[in-house]
Amino acid sequence: MQTRPARAAFDIRHDDPRLRYRGAVSLERGPGWTAPWRLPRAEAALYLPEGGLGRAAMPSGVRVALRTDSASLVCRYQADPAPRLNGPGERARLDVLCDGRRATTVELETHGGDAEFRCEGLPGRMATVELWLPFYHQFRLRGLSVAAGAALEDDGPGWQPRWIHCGSSISQGRGAASPSRTWTALVARRAGWDLTSLALGASSCLEPMTARLMRDLPADLLTLCVGANVQALGSHNRDALVSALVGFVRTVREGHPTTPFVPCQVPRVEARASDWRLAHLAGHPAAAVGGGPTRRVRETTTTGKPRNPRSQPTSEISTELGTVQLSPCVRGCICSPGWLI
């Protein structure tokens, strides 16, 4: 009995216009690959001149999106080893999501050369497929393949509130189980927000170039984690921090005069008496905006028996975009009640 030969897969180039690199600030094109960056690639050295530049090429929060009815997907890629880190290392993982639900988590090879993986069991109907890229490894997409005859289209412009977050290693994903389970990814997916993460490990020290970037990017919500590395790295003394914080916020406000701007804090740390807290440094947060409007972030208390003895009150961001609880953050780092600045 003769068997019909298997139909060849349909290959998709890394630069196919039907692929959307959501969450990327810029794209670097090389010979046969595309690498998403979370800073403008041409000016990246101006942001982190003393090192750490590679973290901007780690695509935390970046997802490659397309729509297809293929029941399988092959991804060809290159991934580099993670840098030396204090504490446990990070595993190179990539999440495949279909219509917002995680279909599988893939362990990537990180030798820097060509590699590929195959994902079976996709719905086989038109669905939005997202590849959430690794958050602590540089990644270059070589191409994708879907089943022969499968439909392929971009996932459309759509409209989701655009969320820009600036933070350090925890926001980049340190300690998260996989790319779609960093705290920023969890919040974005739950709320239906379009995340652009500017979080860089060993950073978030109120760098002026980052403020300019936040100012120039389109945004419907802005959030900022600041303080941990200011102290850990000694980037500012108490007096310099006041000026740096006010200057950062006012620079961002040049491009976003009315966009909600939320500072993120760690409740069990912020509750301690300290003259380094935002309230002590800047007085009423309106001072940082030159007297502009502020709004309180509402707090609710979790009910029932806590699943974790270290559980903290659940915080919510309440803006025109809706209310989202911010409890599923990595290592108990949740956004506490604060002010929109």
Protein backbone atom coordinates (compact mmCIF):
# COMPACT_ATOMS: atom_id res chain seq x y z
CA MET A 1 0.00 0.00 0.00
CA GLN A 2 1.35 3.36 -0.96
CA THR A 3 1.41 6.15 1.57
CA ARG A 4 1.07 9.78 0.63
CA PRO A 5 4.17 11.82 1.40
CA ALA A 6 3.88 14.21 4.32
CA ARG A 7 3.16 17.76 3.28
CA ALA A 8 5.98 20.19 3.93
CA ALA A 9 5.54 22.68 6.72
CA PHE A 10 5.01 26.34 5.96
CA ASP A 11 8.03 28.39 7.05
CA ILE A 12 7.67 31.90 8.47
CA ARG A 13 10.64 34.23 8.38
CA HIS A 14 11.75 36.03 11.51
CA ASP A 15 10.94 39.37 9.86
CA ASP A 16 7.57 38.37 8.42
CA PRO A 17 5.23 41.37 8.87
CA ARG A 18 2.55 39.06 10.25
CA LEU A 19 4.68 38.49 13.36
CA ARG A 20 4.24 41.14 16.03
CA TYR A 21 6.96 41.64 18.63
CA ARG A 22 4.74 43.01 21.38
CA GLY A 23 6.49 44.66 24.30
CA ALA A 24 9.68 45.37 22.33
CA VAL A 25 10.97 48.94 22.15
CA SER A 26 13.21 48.22 19.14
CA LEU A 27 14.26 45.31 16.94
CA GLU A 28 17.78 44.32 15.93
CA ARG A 29 18.01 42.52 12.59
CA GLY A 30 20.93 40.23 11.93
CA PRO A 31 21.80 37.61 9.31
CA GLY A 32 18.73 35.40 9.50
CA TRP A 33 17.43 36.52 12.89
CA THR A 34 15.57 39.20 14.83
CA ALA A 35 16.38 40.15 18.42
CA PRO A 36 13.89 42.27 20.40
CA TRP A 37 15.32 44.99 22.64
CA ARG A 38 13.67 46.82 25.53
CA LEU A 39 15.61 50.02 24.84
CA PRO A 40 16.33 51.81 21.55
CA ARG A 41 19.09 49.57 20.14
CA ALA A 42 20.98 52.41 18.45
CA GLU A 43 21.25 54.36 21.71
CA ALA A 44 21.41 51.49 24.19
CA ALA A 45 24.95 52.32 25.35
CA LEU A 46 23.74 55.75 26.50
CA TYR A 47 21.33 54.13 28.95
CA LEU A 48 23.75 51.77 30.68
CA PRO A 49 27.27 52.98 29.89
CA GLU A 50 28.89 51.23 32.87
CA GLY A 51 27.72 47.72 32.03
CA GLY A 52 24.52 45.73 32.19
CA LEU A 53 23.70 46.58 28.59
CA GLY A 54 22.90 42.94 27.84
CA ARG A 55 19.90 43.04 30.16
CA ALA A 56 18.16 45.36 27.70
CA ALA A 57 18.44 42.57 25.12
CA MET A 58 16.80 40.07 27.50
CA PRO A 59 13.20 40.15 26.27
CA SER A 60 11.32 40.22 29.57
CA GLY A 61 7.64 40.76 28.83
CA VAL A 62 8.18 40.51 25.06
CA ARG A 63 5.96 38.13 23.15
CA VAL A 64 5.95 37.14 19.49
CA ALA A 65 2.29 37.05 18.45
CA LEU A 66 0.46 35.70 15.41
CA ARG A 67 -2.85 34.10 14.52
CA THR A 68 -3.02 30.64 12.97
CA ASP A 69 -5.19 27.54 12.81
CA SER A 70 -2.19 25.21 12.79
CA ALA A 71 -2.24 22.38 15.33
CA SER A 72 1.54 22.51 15.69
CA LEU A 73 4.34 25.05 15.68
CA VAL A 74 8.10 24.82 15.24
CA CYS A 75 10.32 27.61 16.55
CA ARG A 76 13.91 28.10 15.39
CA TYR A 77 16.00 30.30 17.63
CA GLN A 78 19.30 31.17 19.26
CA ALA A 79 19.57 31.80 23.01
CA ASP A 80 22.61 32.83 25.04
CA PRO A 81 23.56 31.73 28.56
CA ALA A 82 22.38 33.89 31.44
CA PRO A 83 24.96 36.21 33.01
CA ARG A 84 26.53 35.39 36.36
CA LEU A 85 23.98 36.23 39.03
CA ASN A 86 24.06 36.53 42.77
CA GLY A 87 22.00 33.68 44.15
CA PRO A 88 20.26 30.93 42.18
CA GLY A 89 20.60 30.90 38.43
CA GLU A 90 17.73 31.39 36.01
CA ARG A 91 16.52 28.66 33.66
CA ALA A 92 15.90 29.59 30.04
CA ARG A 93 12.21 29.04 29.45
CA LEU A 94 9.69 30.12 26.84
CA ASP A 95 5.91 29.97 27.25
CA VAL A 96 3.50 29.25 24.40
CA LEU A 97 0.06 30.76 24.99
CA CYS A 98 -3.09 30.22 22.93
CA ASP A 99 -5.81 32.83 23.32
CA GLY A 100 -4.25 33.90 26.60
CA ARG A 101 -3.93 30.42 28.12
CA ARG A 102 -0.57 28.75 28.62
CA ALA A 103 -0.29 25.71 26.36
CA THR A 104 3.25 24.67 27.28
CA THR A 105 6.52 25.82 28.79
CA VAL A 106 9.67 24.96 26.83
CA GLU A 107 13.20 24.58 28.20
CA LEU A 108 15.52 26.34 25.76
CA GLU A 109 19.06 25.45 24.76
CA THR A 110 21.47 28.26 25.63
CA HIS A 111 24.68 27.50 23.74
CA GLY A 112 24.18 30.52 21.47
CA GLY A 113 23.87 28.44 18.30
CA ASP A 114 20.92 27.32 16.22
CA ALA A 115 18.27 25.28 18.03
CA GLU A 116 14.58 24.55 17.66
CA PHE A 117 11.60 23.13 19.50
CA ARG A 118 8.25 21.77 18.38
CA CYS A 119 4.94 22.49 20.08
CA GLU A 120 2.08 20.07 19.41
CA GLY A 121 -1.51 20.15 20.55
CA LEU A 122 -2.47 23.67 19.51
CA PRO A 123 -6.23 24.14 19.02
CA GLY A 124 -6.23 23.60 15.25
CA ARG A 125 -8.63 26.55 14.84
CA MET A 126 -7.89 30.23 14.42
CA ALA A 127 -6.29 31.35 17.66
CA THR A 128 -3.86 33.98 18.83
CA VAL A 129 -0.56 32.27 19.58
CA GLU A 130 1.98 34.11 21.71
CA LEU A 131 5.56 33.11 22.44
CA TRP A 132 6.55 34.74 25.75
CA LEU A 133 10.31 35.03 25.47
CA PRO A 134 12.83 34.31 28.26
CA PHE A 135 13.34 37.11 30.77
CA TYR A 136 17.01 36.54 31.72
CA HIS A 137 18.53 35.22 28.49
CA GLN A 138 19.21 37.03 25.23
CA PHE A 139 17.11 35.54 22.45
CA ARG A 140 17.14 35.71 18.64
CA LEU A 141 14.27 34.37 16.58
CA ARG A 142 15.33 32.57 13.41
CA GLY A 143 11.86 31.66 12.20
CA LEU A 144 8.71 29.65 12.77
CA SER A 145 6.95 26.84 10.91
CA VAL A 146 3.29 25.88 10.93
CA ALA A 147 1.47 23.00 9.28
CA ALA A 148 1.21 23.11 5.51
CA GLY A 149 -2.00 24.76 4.42
CA ALA A 150 -2.53 26.46 7.77
CA ALA A 151 -3.88 29.98 7.78
CA LEU A 152 -1.60 32.72 9.06
CA GLU A 153 -2.31 36.36 9.86
CA ASP A 154 -1.17 38.99 12.30
CA ASP A 155 -3.19 39.34 15.48
CA GLY A 156 -4.37 42.78 14.42
CA PRO A 157 -3.82 46.13 16.06
CA GLY A 158 -6.67 45.57 18.51
CA TRP A 159 -6.73 47.87 21.49
CA GLN A 160 -5.46 47.18 24.97
CA PRO A 161 -4.43 49.79 27.53
CA ARG A 162 -0.69 50.32 27.11
CA TRP A 163 1.18 49.72 30.36
CA ILE A 164 4.81 50.81 30.76
CA HIS A 165 6.60 49.55 33.86
CA CYS A 166 10.07 50.53 35.08
CA GLY A 167 11.74 48.40 37.73
CA SER A 168 14.72 46.24 38.62
CA SER A 169 15.47 42.50 38.83
CA ILE A 170 12.23 41.36 40.50
CA SER A 171 10.23 43.19 37.85
CA GLN A 172 12.47 41.75 35.13
CA GLY A 173 11.45 38.31 36.38
CA ARG A 174 14.06 37.16 38.91
CA GLY A 175 12.75 34.01 40.55
CA ALA A 176 9.64 33.64 38.38
CA ALA A 177 8.59 30.19 37.18
CA SER A 178 8.43 31.19 33.51
CA PRO A 179 8.08 34.28 31.28
CA SER A 180 4.28 34.53 31.44
CA ARG A 181 4.41 34.16 35.24
CA THR A 182 6.55 37.13 36.18
CA TRP A 183 4.50 39.49 38.33
CA THR A 184 4.22 42.04 35.54
CA ALA A 185 3.05 39.35 33.09
CA LEU A 186 0.46 38.04 35.55
CA VAL A 187 -0.97 41.50 36.11
CA ALA A 188 -0.96 42.36 32.39
CA ARG A 189 -2.67 39.11 31.44
CA ARG A 190 -5.25 39.38 34.19
CA ALA A 191 -6.09 43.00 33.35
CA GLY A 192 -5.84 42.75 29.56
CA TRP A 193 -3.05 45.34 29.41
CA ASP A 194 -0.39 45.61 26.69
CA LEU A 195 2.84 45.40 28.71
CA THR A 196 6.12 47.08 27.86
CA SER A 197 8.63 46.27 30.59
CA LEU A 198 11.63 48.57 31.03
CA ALA A 199 12.71 46.59 34.11
CA LEU A 200 16.46 45.90 34.21
CA GLY A 201 18.29 44.03 36.94
CA ALA A 202 20.80 46.16 38.88
CA SER A 203 19.09 49.26 37.55
CA SER A 204 15.98 51.40 38.22
CA CYS A 205 18.02 54.16 39.85
CA LEU A 206 16.02 57.02 38.33
CA GLU A 207 18.19 57.19 35.21
CA PRO A 208 17.32 60.30 33.15
CA MET A 209 17.47 58.39 29.85
CA THR A 210 14.84 55.97 31.13
CA ALA A 211 12.61 58.88 32.10
CA ARG A 212 12.97 60.28 28.56
CA LEU A 213 12.02 56.90 27.09
CA MET A 214 8.93 56.61 29.30
CA ARG A 215 8.02 60.15 28.28
CA ASP A 216 8.23 59.33 24.56
CA LEU A 217 6.49 55.93 24.52
CA PRO A 218 2.68 55.82 24.22
CA ALA A 219 1.11 54.82 27.53
CA ASP A 220 -2.23 54.58 29.31
CA LEU A 221 -0.67 53.51 32.63
CA LEU A 222 2.82 54.09 34.07
CA THR A 223 4.32 52.29 37.06
CA LEU A 224 7.68 52.67 38.77
CA CYS A 225 9.53 50.49 41.27
CA VAL A 226 12.29 52.56 42.84
CA GLY A 227 14.29 52.44 46.04
CA ALA A 228 15.77 48.96 46.35
CA ASN A 229 18.76 49.53 44.08
CA VAL A 230 19.08 53.17 45.09
CA GLN A 231 20.12 51.82 48.48
CA ALA A 232 21.75 48.55 47.38
CA LEU A 233 23.95 50.22 44.76
CA GLY A 234 24.36 53.54 46.57
CA SER A 235 23.32 55.53 43.52
CA HIS A 236 21.91 58.48 45.50
CA ASN A 237 22.23 59.88 48.97
CA ARG A 238 19.15 61.17 50.76
CA ASP A 239 19.32 64.71 49.39
CA ALA A 240 20.15 63.66 45.82
CA LEU A 241 17.27 61.19 45.80
CA VAL A 242 14.69 63.95 46.25
CA SER A 243 15.94 65.88 43.22
CA ALA A 244 16.35 62.72 41.12
CA LEU A 245 12.84 61.50 41.90
CA VAL A 246 11.19 64.84 41.18
CA GLY A 247 13.21 65.27 37.98
CA PHE A 248 12.34 61.76 36.80
CA VAL A 249 8.63 62.23 37.35
CA ARG A 250 8.52 65.68 35.79
CA THR A 251 10.39 64.44 32.70
CA VAL A 252 7.86 61.64 32.24
CA ARG A 253 5.02 64.09 32.83
CA GLU A 254 6.20 66.21 29.87
CA GLY A 255 4.82 63.48 27.61
CA HIS A 256 2.10 62.14 29.90
CA PRO A 257 0.58 65.04 31.83
CA THR A 258 -2.56 63.14 32.88
CA THR A 259 -1.64 59.45 32.53
CA PRO A 260 -2.00 57.49 35.81
CA PHE A 261 1.50 57.08 37.32
CA VAL A 262 1.78 54.56 40.18
CA PRO A 263 4.83 54.07 42.44
CA CYS A 264 5.18 50.44 43.58
CA GLN A 265 6.30 49.54 47.09
CA VAL A 266 6.84 46.53 49.37
CA PRO A 267 4.40 46.82 52.28
CA ARG A 268 6.36 44.97 54.94
CA VAL A 269 9.41 47.11 54.19
CA GLU A 270 7.62 50.41 53.70
CA ALA A 271 5.82 49.97 57.04
CA ARG A 272 9.09 50.44 58.90
CA ALA A 273 9.89 53.91 60.16
CA SER A 274 12.41 55.47 57.82
CA ASP A 275 13.15 58.93 56.53
CA TRP A 276 13.91 57.36 53.12
CA ARG A 277 10.23 56.68 52.42
CA LEU A 278 8.55 58.59 49.60
CA ALA A 279 6.28 60.44 52.02
CA HIS A 280 9.27 61.70 54.02
CA LEU A 281 11.37 62.60 51.01
CA ALA A 282 8.86 64.53 48.92
CA GLY A 283 6.08 65.38 51.35
CA HIS A 284 2.69 65.11 49.70
CA PRO A 285 3.31 63.39 46.32
CA ALA A 286 1.70 66.28 44.47
CA ALA A 287 4.94 68.16 45.07
CA ALA A 288 6.65 65.87 42.59
CA VAL A 289 4.16 66.87 39.91
CA GLY A 290 4.33 70.56 40.63
CA GLY A 291 0.95 70.55 42.34
CA GLY A 292 -0.77 68.27 39.85
CA PRO A 293 -3.60 65.92 40.79
CA THR A 294 -2.91 62.72 42.70
CA ARG A 295 -5.12 59.80 43.56
CA ARG A 296 -5.01 57.26 46.34
CA VAL A 297 -4.54 53.60 45.42
CA ARG A 298 -7.26 51.65 47.20
CA GLU A 299 -6.49 48.85 49.66
CA THR A 300 -8.58 45.82 50.52
CA THR A 301 -7.86 43.05 53.00
CA THR A 302 -7.80 39.41 51.97
CA THR A 303 -10.49 37.29 53.58
CA GLY A 304 -10.31 33.73 54.83
CA LYS A 305 -7.27 31.83 56.00
CA PRO A 306 -4.09 33.06 54.28
CA ARG A 307 -2.44 30.48 52.08
CA ASN A 308 0.94 31.90 52.98
CA PRO A 309 1.78 33.05 56.52
CA ARG A 310 3.65 36.00 54.98
CA SER A 311 0.56 37.14 53.06
CA GLN A 312 0.05 40.87 52.99
CA PRO A 313 -3.11 42.91 52.39
CA THR A 314 -4.11 42.78 48.77
CA SER A 315 -3.56 46.01 46.87
CA GLU A 316 -5.42 47.26 43.86
CA ILE A 317 -4.79 49.79 41.13
CA SER A 318 -8.04 51.69 40.60
CA THR A 319 -7.95 53.95 37.54
CA GLU A 320 -10.10 54.66 34.54
CA LEU A 321 -8.72 51.38 33.18
CA GLY A 322 -10.47 49.39 35.91
CA THR A 323 -9.44 47.79 39.19
CA VAL A 324 -6.83 45.04 39.29
CA GLN A 325 -5.65 43.19 42.38
CA LEU A 326 -1.86 43.01 42.54
CA SER A 327 -1.31 40.09 44.89
CA PRO A 328 0.35 37.41 42.67
CA CYS A 329 3.74 39.11 42.58
CA VAL A 330 7.07 37.32 42.84
CA ARG A 331 8.50 36.74 46.33
CA GLY A 332 5.73 38.64 48.04
CA CYS A 333 6.68 41.91 46.34
CA ILE A 334 3.29 43.50 45.85
CA CYS A 335 2.24 47.02 45.12
CA SER A 336 1.09 48.61 48.34
CA PRO A 337 -1.37 51.46 48.76
CA GLY A 338 0.37 54.59 47.60
CA TRP A 339 -0.22 57.56 45.40
CA LEU A 340 -0.54 58.13 41.71
CA ILE A 341 2.10 60.76 41.05
